C-alpha atoms as a PDB file:
ATOM      1  CA  MET A   1       0.000   0.000   0.000  1.00  0.00           C
ATOM      2  CA  LYS A   2       1.092   3.587  -0.512  1.00  0.00           C
ATOM      3  CA  VAL A   3       1.530   5.906   2.473  1.00  0.00           C
ATOM      4  CA  LEU A   4       3.259   9.223   3.047  1.00  0.00           C
ATOM      5  CA  ILE A   5       6.254   9.059   5.384  1.00  0.00           C
ATOM      6  CA  ASN A   6       7.612  12.501   6.240  1.00  0.00           C
ATOM      7  CA  ASN A   7       5.845  13.842   3.114  1.00  0.00           C
ATOM      8  CA  LYS A   8       7.502  11.244   0.853  1.00  0.00           C
ATOM      9  CA  PRO A   9       5.305   8.692  -0.978  1.00  0.00           C
ATOM     10  CA  THR A  10       6.384   5.250   0.227  1.00  0.00           C
ATOM     11  CA  GLU A  11       5.278   1.700  -0.570  1.00  0.00           C
ATOM     12  CA  THR A  12       4.897  -0.587   2.470  1.00  0.00           C
ATOM     13  CA  GLN A  13       3.562  -4.025   3.329  1.00  0.00           C
ATOM     14  CA  ALA A  14       3.179  -3.093   7.033  1.00  0.00           C
ATOM     15  CA  GLN A  15      -0.301  -3.201   8.511  1.00  0.00           C
ATOM     16  CA  THR A  16       0.546  -1.616  11.896  1.00  0.00           C
ATOM     17  CA  ILE A  17       2.915   1.059  13.181  1.00  0.00           C
ATOM     18  CA  ALA A  18       4.973  -1.662  14.904  1.00  0.00           C
ATOM     19  CA  GLU A  19       5.377  -3.558  11.620  1.00  0.00           C
ATOM     20  CA  LEU A  20       6.358  -0.327   9.868  1.00  0.00           C
ATOM     21  CA  ALA A  21       8.980   0.443  12.529  1.00  0.00           C
ATOM     22  CA  THR A  22      10.448  -3.031  12.005  1.00  0.00           C
ATOM     23  CA  GLU A  23      10.305  -2.702   8.209  1.00  0.00           C
ATOM     24  CA  LEU A  24      12.162   0.628   8.405  1.00  0.00           C
ATOM     25  CA  ASN A  25      14.693  -0.710  10.945  1.00  0.00           C
ATOM     26  CA  LEU A  26      13.886   2.076  13.394  1.00  0.00           C
ATOM     27  CA  PRO A  27      15.792   2.040  16.713  1.00  0.00           C
ATOM     28  CA  GLN A  28      14.087   0.731  19.857  1.00  0.00           C
ATOM     29  CA  ALA A  29      14.391   4.137  21.581  1.00  0.00           C
ATOM     30  CA  GLY A  30      14.443   7.772  20.572  1.00  0.00           C
ATOM     31  CA  VAL A  31      11.705   7.574  17.945  1.00  0.00           C
ATOM     32  CA  ALA A  32       8.270   9.203  17.892  1.00  0.00           C
ATOM     33  CA  ILE A  33       5.591   8.443  15.303  1.00  0.00           C
ATOM     34  CA  ALA A  34       2.436  10.339  14.423  1.00  0.00           C
ATOM     35  CA  THR A  35      -0.268   9.300  11.978  1.00  0.00           C
ATOM     36  CA  ASN A  36      -2.585  11.869  10.425  1.00  0.00           C
ATOM     37  CA  ASN A  37      -1.317  14.529  12.883  1.00  0.00           C
ATOM     38  CA  GLN A  38      -1.912  12.400  15.992  1.00  0.00           C
ATOM     39  CA  MET A  39       0.998  11.165  18.136  1.00  0.00           C
ATOM     40  CA  ILE A  40       0.903   7.415  18.719  1.00  0.00           C
ATOM     41  CA  PRO A  41       2.333   6.219  22.064  1.00  0.00           C
ATOM     42  CA  ARG A  42       4.852   3.384  21.663  1.00  0.00           C
ATOM     43  CA  ALA A  43       2.579   1.148  23.761  1.00  0.00           C
ATOM     44  CA  ALA A  44      -0.104   1.509  21.058  1.00  0.00           C
ATOM     45  CA  TRP A  45       2.110   0.810  18.017  1.00  0.00           C
ATOM     46  CA  GLN A  46       1.157  -2.877  17.888  1.00  0.00           C
ATOM     47  CA  GLU A  47      -2.577  -2.225  17.623  1.00  0.00           C
ATOM     48  CA  THR A  48      -2.462   1.000  15.574  1.00  0.00           C
ATOM     49  CA  THR A  49      -3.271   0.079  11.984  1.00  0.00           C
ATOM     50  CA  ILE A  50      -2.295   2.039   8.915  1.00  0.00           C
ATOM     51  CA  GLY A  51      -4.126   2.188   5.626  1.00  0.00           C
ATOM     52  CA  GLU A  52      -3.749   3.428   2.086  1.00  0.00           C
ATOM     53  CA  GLY A  53      -2.799   7.110   2.056  1.00  0.00           C
ATOM     54  CA  THR A  54      -2.027   7.397   5.777  1.00  0.00           C
ATOM     55  CA  ASN A  55       0.182  10.411   6.521  1.00  0.00           C
ATOM     56  CA  ILE A  56       2.983   9.259   8.844  1.00  0.00           C
ATOM     57  CA  VAL A  57       5.570  11.476  10.514  1.00  0.00           C
ATOM     58  CA  ILE A  58       8.643   9.839  12.053  1.00  0.00           C
ATOM     59  CA  ILE A  59      10.851  11.897  14.358  1.00  0.00           C
ATOM     60  CA  LYS A  60      14.208  10.556  15.514  1.00  0.00           C
ATOM     61  CA  ALA A  61      15.995  12.035  18.520  1.00  0.00           C
ATOM     62  CA  ALA A  62      19.460  13.408  17.788  1.00  0.00           C
ATOM     63  CA  CYS A  63      22.349  14.149  20.109  1.00  0.00           C
ATOM     64  CA  GLY A  64      23.962  17.542  20.129  1.00  0.00           C
ATOM     65  CA  GLY A  65      23.055  21.024  20.949  1.00  0.00           C
END
C-alpha cells in the first residue's frame, strides 16, 4: 500500500505502526511516530493500523546542541 512518510510517498507491506517500525529498521528508543497529525504512544504501536494514504511522521531524537 502507498503511504506518506515525512511527506515522501512510500510503498509498504506493514499493517501496523509496529510492523512499519520493524520494516524501516527504526531504533528501539528515541523515535516518535504520528499518523494523520496524531501522536501514537509506543505502547499503542502494535494495535495501531495504517491504511492506504495514511500520513505518517517519524521523528528521531538526535544528540547535540
